[in-house]
């Protein structure tokens, strides 16, 4: 049996809300960690900070620099 489009739309709306909540939670966590590390006290251009964070992400995705197994 196929789902009616109204049910699919409702499911999409629910998932979008869950995504928004998850992204907010992740952003708050990263923000707290950034402040703890002192990022709030330095002056750096947003594009430079994004580039530096992308390097860090790449490092962790490759498996190097892990603090925990």
PDB file of N, CA and C in Angstrom:
ATOM      1  N   UNK A   1       0.840  -1.182   0.000  1.00  0.00           N
ATOM      2  CA  UNK A   1       0.000   0.000   0.000  1.00  0.00           C
ATOM      3  C   UNK A   1       0.891   1.253   0.000  1.00  0.00           C
ATOM      4  N   UNK A   2       0.584   2.194  -0.861  1.00  0.00           N
ATOM      5  CA  UNK A   2       1.355   3.430  -0.938  1.00  0.00           C
ATOM      6  C   UNK A   2       0.858   4.426   0.096  1.00  0.00           C
ATOM      7  N   UNK A   3       1.796   5.240   0.569  1.00  0.00           N
ATOM      8  CA  UNK A   3       1.443   6.287   1.527  1.00  0.00           C
ATOM      9  C   UNK A   3       0.878   7.491   0.786  1.00  0.00           C
ATOM     10  N   UNK A   4      -0.125   8.126   1.349  1.00  0.00           N
ATOM     11  CA  UNK A   4      -0.625   9.357   0.730  1.00  0.00           C
ATOM     12  C   UNK A   4       0.419  10.470   0.875  1.00  0.00           C
ATOM     13  N   UNK A   5       0.406  11.391  -0.062  1.00  0.00           N
ATOM     14  CA  UNK A   5       1.396  12.466  -0.056  1.00  0.00           C
ATOM     15  C   UNK A   5       1.332  13.301   1.220  1.00  0.00           C
ATOM     16  N   UNK A   6       0.159  13.449   1.806  1.00  0.00           N
ATOM     17  CA  UNK A   6       0.040  14.229   3.038  1.00  0.00           C
ATOM     18  C   UNK A   6       0.814  13.566   4.176  1.00  0.00           C
ATOM     19  N   UNK A   7       0.802  12.250   4.222  1.00  0.00           N
ATOM     20  CA  UNK A   7       1.541  11.528   5.261  1.00  0.00           C
ATOM     21  C   UNK A   7       3.058  11.673   5.041  1.00  0.00           C
ATOM     22  N   UNK A   8       3.472  11.609   3.793  1.00  0.00           N
ATOM     23  CA  UNK A   8       4.893  11.778   3.469  1.00  0.00           C
ATOM     24  C   UNK A   8       5.349  13.179   3.843  1.00  0.00           C
ATOM     25  N   UNK A   9       4.527  14.189   3.524  1.00  0.00           N
ATOM     26  CA  UNK A   9       4.864  15.571   3.896  1.00  0.00           C
ATOM     27  C   UNK A   9       4.988  15.720   5.407  1.00  0.00           C
ATOM     28  N   UNK A  10       4.106  15.095   6.142  1.00  0.00           N
ATOM     29  CA  UNK A  10       4.148  15.160   7.608  1.00  0.00           C
ATOM     30  C   UNK A  10       5.425  14.508   8.134  1.00  0.00           C
ATOM     31  N   UNK A  11       5.802  13.391   7.530  1.00  0.00           N
ATOM     32  CA  UNK A  11       7.031  12.716   7.951  1.00  0.00           C
ATOM     33  C   UNK A  11       8.256  13.568   7.641  1.00  0.00           C
ATOM     34  N   UNK A  12       8.249  14.209   6.470  1.00  0.00           N
ATOM     35  CA  UNK A  12       9.351  15.095   6.093  1.00  0.00           C
ATOM     36  C   UNK A  12       9.448  16.256   7.071  1.00  0.00           C
ATOM     37  N   UNK A  13       8.322  16.859   7.426  1.00  0.00           N
ATOM     38  CA  UNK A  13       8.315  17.975   8.374  1.00  0.00           C
ATOM     39  C   UNK A  13       8.869  17.537   9.726  1.00  0.00           C
ATOM     40  N   UNK A  14       8.480  16.351  10.163  1.00  0.00           N
ATOM     41  CA  UNK A  14       8.976  15.826  11.440  1.00  0.00           C
ATOM     42  C   UNK A  14      10.484  15.604  11.378  1.00  0.00           C
ATOM     43  N   UNK A  15      10.976  15.052  10.279  1.00  0.00           N
ATOM     44  CA  UNK A  15      12.410  14.819  10.122  1.00  0.00           C
ATOM     45  C   UNK A  15      13.183  16.133  10.036  1.00  0.00           C
ATOM     46  N   UNK A  16      12.599  17.141   9.381  1.00  0.00           N
ATOM     47  CA  UNK A  16      13.254  18.445   9.299  1.00  0.00           C
ATOM     48  C   UNK A  16      13.390  19.063  10.687  1.00  0.00           C
ATOM     49  N   UNK A  17      12.385  18.906  11.520  1.00  0.00           N
ATOM     50  CA  UNK A  17      12.441  19.424  12.885  1.00  0.00           C
ATOM     51  C   UNK A  17      13.496  18.669  13.692  1.00  0.00           C
ATOM     52  N   UNK A  18      13.566  17.353  13.514  1.00  0.00           N
ATOM     53  CA  UNK A  18      14.585  16.558  14.211  1.00  0.00           C
ATOM     54  C   UNK A  18      15.987  16.978  13.772  1.00  0.00           C
ATOM     55  N   UNK A  19      16.149  17.254  12.480  1.00  0.00           N
ATOM     56  CA  UNK A  19      17.428  17.714  11.955  1.00  0.00           C
ATOM     57  C   UNK A  19      17.811  19.058  12.559  1.00  0.00           C
ATOM     58  N   UNK A  20      16.857  19.953  12.640  1.00  0.00           N
ATOM     59  CA  UNK A  20      17.104  21.278  13.217  1.00  0.00           C
ATOM     60  C   UNK A  20      17.554  21.162  14.677  1.00  0.00           C
ATOM     61  N   UNK A  21      16.891  20.314  15.440  1.00  0.00           N
ATOM     62  CA  UNK A  21      17.247  20.106  16.844  1.00  0.00           C
ATOM     63  C   UNK A  21      18.647  19.509  16.952  1.00  0.00           C
ATOM     64  N   UNK A  22      18.948  18.511  16.118  1.00  0.00           N
ATOM     65  CA  UNK A  22      20.258  17.866  16.150  1.00  0.00           C
ATOM     66  C   UNK A  22      21.366  18.853  15.776  1.00  0.00           C
ATOM     67  N   UNK A  23      21.130  19.671  14.760  1.00  0.00           N
ATOM     68  CA  UNK A  23      22.127  20.659  14.341  1.00  0.00           C
ATOM     69  C   UNK A  23      22.353  21.703  15.422  1.00  0.00           C
ATOM     70  N   UNK A  24      21.295  22.114  16.087  1.00  0.00           N
ATOM     71  CA  UNK A  24      21.423  23.081  17.180  1.00  0.00           C
ATOM     72  C   UNK A  24      22.240  22.495  18.313  1.00  0.00           C
ATOM     73  N   UNK A  25      21.954  21.252  18.663  1.00  0.00           N
ATOM     74  CA  UNK A  25      22.692  20.579  19.739  1.00  0.00           C
ATOM     75  C   UNK A  25      24.179  20.459  19.378  1.00  0.00           C
ATOM     76  N   UNK A  26      24.468  20.082  18.124  1.00  0.00           N
ATOM     77  CA  UNK A  26      25.852  19.959  17.672  1.00  0.00           C
ATOM     78  C   UNK A  26      26.561  21.321  17.668  1.00  0.00           C
ATOM     79  N   UNK A  27      25.867  22.347  17.208  1.00  0.00           N
ATOM     80  CA  UNK A  27      26.452  23.692  17.165  1.00  0.00           C
ATOM     81  C   UNK A  27      26.760  24.195  18.569  1.00  0.00           C
ATOM     82  N   UNK A  28      25.874  23.951  19.499  1.00  0.00           N
ATOM     83  CA  UNK A  28      26.112  24.372  20.877  1.00  0.00           C
ATOM     84  C   UNK A  28      27.313  23.650  21.465  1.00  0.00           C
ATOM     85  N   UNK A  29      27.433  22.353  21.183  1.00  0.00           N
ATOM     86  CA  UNK A  29      28.576  21.573  21.689  1.00  0.00           C
ATOM     87  C   UNK A  29      29.880  22.114  21.111  1.00  0.00           C
ATOM     88  N   UNK A  30      29.921  22.296  19.784  1.00  0.00           N
ATOM     89  CA  UNK A  30      31.128  22.808  19.138  1.00  0.00           C
ATOM     90  C   UNK A  30      31.451  24.211  19.654  1.00  0.00           C
ATOM     91  N   UNK A  31      30.434  25.023  19.829  1.00  0.00           N
ATOM     92  CA  UNK A  31      30.645  26.377  20.346  1.00  0.00           C
ATOM     93  C   UNK A  31      31.249  26.371  21.737  1.00  0.00           C
ATOM     94  N   UNK A  32      30.724  25.525  22.613  1.00  0.00           N
ATOM     95  CA  UNK A  32      31.284  25.431  23.969  1.00  0.00           C
ATOM     96  C   UNK A  32      32.746  24.991  23.932  1.00  0.00           C
ATOM     97  N   UNK A  33      33.032  24.000  23.090  1.00  0.00           N
ATOM     98  CA  UNK A  33      34.409  23.512  22.985  1.00  0.00           C
ATOM     99  C   UNK A  33      35.333  24.577  22.402  1.00  0.00           C
ATOM    100  N   UNK A  34      34.850  25.314  21.415  1.00  0.00           N
ATOM    101  CA  UNK A  34      35.650  26.379  20.809  1.00  0.00           C
ATOM    102  C   UNK A  34      35.968  27.457  21.834  1.00  0.00           C
ATOM    103  N   UNK A  35      34.993  27.836  22.633  1.00  0.00           N
ATOM    104  CA  UNK A  35      35.233  28.842  23.670  1.00  0.00           C
ATOM    105  C   UNK A  35      36.204  28.324  24.718  1.00  0.00           C
ATOM    106  N   UNK A  36      36.051  27.068  25.091  1.00  0.00           N
ATOM    107  CA  UNK A  36      36.945  26.456  26.069  1.00  0.00           C
ATOM    108  C   UNK A  36      38.385  26.442  25.557  1.00  0.00           C
ATOM    109  N   UNK A  37      38.547  26.236  24.246  1.00  0.00           N
ATOM    110  CA  UNK A  37      39.871  26.207  23.636  1.00  0.00           C
ATOM    111  C   UNK A  37      40.440  27.606  23.408  1.00  0.00           C
ATOM    112  N   UNK A  38      39.619  28.645  23.612  1.00  0.00           N
ATOM    113  CA  UNK A  38      40.102  30.009  23.474  1.00  0.00           C
ATOM    114  C   UNK A  38      39.815  30.665  22.141  1.00  0.00           C
ATOM    115  N   UNK A  39      39.017  30.064  21.287  1.00  0.00           N
ATOM    116  CA  UNK A  39      38.729  30.659  19.982  1.00  0.00           C
ATOM    117  C   UNK A  39      37.950  31.959  20.079  1.00  0.00           C
ATOM    118  N   UNK A  40      37.234  32.147  21.155  1.00  0.00           N
ATOM    119  CA  UNK A  40      36.471  33.377  21.303  1.00  0.00           C
ATOM    120  C   UNK A  40      37.342  34.589  21.599  1.00  0.00           C
ATOM    121  N   UNK A  41      38.585  34.345  21.968  1.00  0.00           N
ATOM    122  CA  UNK A  41      39.481  35.431  22.380  1.00  0.00           C
ATOM    123  C   UNK A  41      40.430  35.875  21.283  1.00  0.00           C
ATOM    124  N   UNK A  42      40.423  35.202  20.147  1.00  0.00           N
ATOM    125  CA  UNK A  42      41.336  35.589  19.074  1.00  0.00           C
ATOM    126  C   UNK A  42      40.568  36.223  17.926  1.00  0.00           C
ATOM    127  N   UNK A  43      41.266  37.100  17.204  1.00  0.00           N
ATOM    128  CA  UNK A  43      40.661  37.715  16.030  1.00  0.00           C
ATOM    129  C   UNK A  43      41.135  36.947  14.810  1.00  0.00           C
ATOM    130  N   UNK A  44      40.184  36.354  14.102  1.00  0.00           N
ATOM    131  CA  UNK A  44      40.506  35.584  12.908  1.00  0.00           C
ATOM    132  C   UNK A  44      39.349  35.729  11.931  1.00  0.00           C
ATOM    133  N   UNK A  45      39.691  35.861  10.676  1.00  0.00           N
ATOM    134  CA  UNK A  45      38.683  35.968   9.631  1.00  0.00           C
ATOM    135  C   UNK A  45      37.907  34.660   9.555  1.00  0.00           C
ATOM    136  N   UNK A  46      36.603  34.745   9.334  1.00  0.00           N
ATOM    137  CA  UNK A  46      35.763  33.546   9.281  1.00  0.00           C
ATOM    138  C   UNK A  46      36.265  32.534   8.255  1.00  0.00           C
ATOM    139  N   UNK A  47      36.678  33.015   7.091  1.00  0.00           N
ATOM    140  CA  UNK A  47      37.132  32.086   6.049  1.00  0.00           C
ATOM    141  C   UNK A  47      38.407  31.361   6.487  1.00  0.00           C
ATOM    142  N   UNK A  48      39.294  32.063   7.194  1.00  0.00           N
ATOM    143  CA  UNK A  48      40.506  31.422   7.701  1.00  0.00           C
ATOM    144  C   UNK A  48      40.168  30.390   8.778  1.00  0.00           C
ATOM    145  N   UNK A  49      39.213  30.717   9.626  1.00  0.00           N
ATOM    146  CA  UNK A  49      38.810  29.783  10.672  1.00  0.00           C
ATOM    147  C   UNK A  49      38.152  28.542  10.065  1.00  0.00           C
ATOM    148  N   UNK A  50      37.303  28.742   9.073  1.00  0.00           N
ATOM    149  CA  UNK A  50      36.658  27.606   8.413  1.00  0.00           C
ATOM    150  C   UNK A  50      37.718  26.714   7.765  1.00  0.00           C
ATOM    151  N   UNK A  51      38.703  27.313   7.107  1.00  0.00           N
ATOM    152  CA  UNK A  51      39.774  26.534   6.473  1.00  0.00           C
ATOM    153  C   UNK A  51      40.542  25.728   7.511  1.00  0.00           C
ATOM    154  N   UNK A  52      40.857  26.340   8.642  1.00  0.00           N
ATOM    155  CA  UNK A  52      41.581  25.635   9.706  1.00  0.00           C
ATOM    156  C   UNK A  52      40.736  24.493  10.274  1.00  0.00           C
ATOM    157  N   UNK A  53      39.457  24.730  10.455  1.00  0.00           N
ATOM    158  CA  UNK A  53      38.572  23.679  10.979  1.00  0.00           C
ATOM    159  C   UNK A  53      38.421  22.542   9.975  1.00  0.00           C
ATOM    160  N   UNK A  54      38.383  22.864   8.692  1.00  0.00           N
ATOM    161  CA  UNK A  54      38.309  21.820   7.671  1.00  0.00           C
ATOM    162  C   UNK A  54      39.552  20.943   7.696  1.00  0.00           C
ATOM    163  N   UNK A  55      40.723  21.545   7.959  1.00  0.00           N
ATOM    164  CA  UNK A  55      41.956  20.768   8.092  1.00  0.00           C
ATOM    165  C   UNK A  55      41.863  19.812   9.276  1.00  0.00           C
ATOM    166  N   UNK A  56      41.326  20.297  10.364  1.00  0.00           N
ATOM    167  CA  UNK A  56      41.177  19.465  11.557  1.00  0.00           C
ATOM    168  C   UNK A  56      40.226  18.306  11.268  1.00  0.00           C
ATOM    169  N   UNK A  57      39.119  18.599  10.611  1.00  0.00           N
ATOM    170  CA  UNK A  57      38.157  17.554  10.264  1.00  0.00           C
ATOM    171  C   UNK A  57      38.824  16.489   9.398  1.00  0.00           C
ATOM    172  N   UNK A  58      39.581  16.926   8.403  1.00  0.00           N
ATOM    173  CA  UNK A  58      40.282  15.988   7.530  1.00  0.00           C
ATOM    174  C   UNK A  58      41.254  15.116   8.301  1.00  0.00           C
ATOM    175  N   UNK A  59      41.930  15.709   9.245  1.00  0.00           N
ATOM    176  CA  UNK A  59      42.888  14.972  10.076  1.00  0.00           C
ATOM    177  C   UNK A  59      42.183  13.877  10.873  1.00  0.00           C
ATOM    178  N   UNK A  60      41.062  14.196  11.473  1.00  0.00           N
ATOM    179  CA  UNK A  60      40.337  13.220  12.274  1.00  0.00           C
ATOM    180  C   UNK A  60      39.649  12.165  11.416  1.00  0.00           C
ATOM    181  N   UNK A  61      39.200  12.538  10.247  1.00  0.00           N
ATOM    182  CA  UNK A  61      38.558  11.558   9.367  1.00  0.00           C
ATOM    183  C   UNK A  61      39.554  10.520   8.867  1.00  0.00           C
ATOM    184  N   UNK A  62      40.805  10.916   8.724  1.00  0.00           N
ATOM    185  CA  UNK A  62      41.841   9.985   8.282  1.00  0.00           C
ATOM    186  C   UNK A  62      42.273   9.059   9.414  1.00  0.00           C
ATOM    187  N   UNK A  63      41.872   9.376  10.637  1.00  0.00           N
ATOM    188  CA  UNK A  63      42.200   8.518  11.768  1.00  0.00           C
ATOM    189  C   UNK A  63      43.408   8.966  12.563  1.00  0.00           C
ATOM    190  N   UNK A  64      44.098  10.014  12.118  1.00  0.00           N
ATOM    191  CA  UNK A  64      45.241  10.489  12.885  1.00  0.00           C
ATOM    192  C   UNK A  64      44.788  11.563  13.859  1.00  0.00           C
ATOM    193  N   UNK A  65      45.496  11.692  14.926  1.00  0.00           N
ATOM    194  CA  UNK A  65      45.192  12.721  15.906  1.00  0.00           C
ATOM    195  C   UNK A  65      44.040  12.396  16.825  1.00  0.00           C
ATOM    196  N   UNK A  66      43.625  11.152  16.848  1.00  0.00           N
ATOM    197  CA  UNK A  66      42.497  10.789  17.710  1.00  0.00           C
ATOM    198  C   UNK A  66      42.948  10.743  19.149  1.00  0.00           C
ATOM    199  N   UNK A  67      42.166  11.379  19.998  1.00  0.00           N
ATOM    200  CA  UNK A  67      42.438  11.348  21.423  1.00  0.00           C
ATOM    201  C   UNK A  67      41.885  10.093  22.084  1.00  0.00           C
ATOM    202  N   UNK A  68      40.876   9.523  21.449  1.00  0.00           N
ATOM    203  CA  UNK A  68      40.218   8.348  22.014  1.00  0.00           C
ATOM    204  C   UNK A  68      40.075   7.285  20.931  1.00  0.00           C
ATOM    205  N   UNK A  69      40.103   6.033  21.304  1.00  0.00           N
ATOM    206  CA  UNK A  69      39.944   4.964  20.307  1.00  0.00           C
ATOM    207  C   UNK A  69      38.543   4.881  19.758  1.00  0.00           C
TER     208      UNK A  69
END
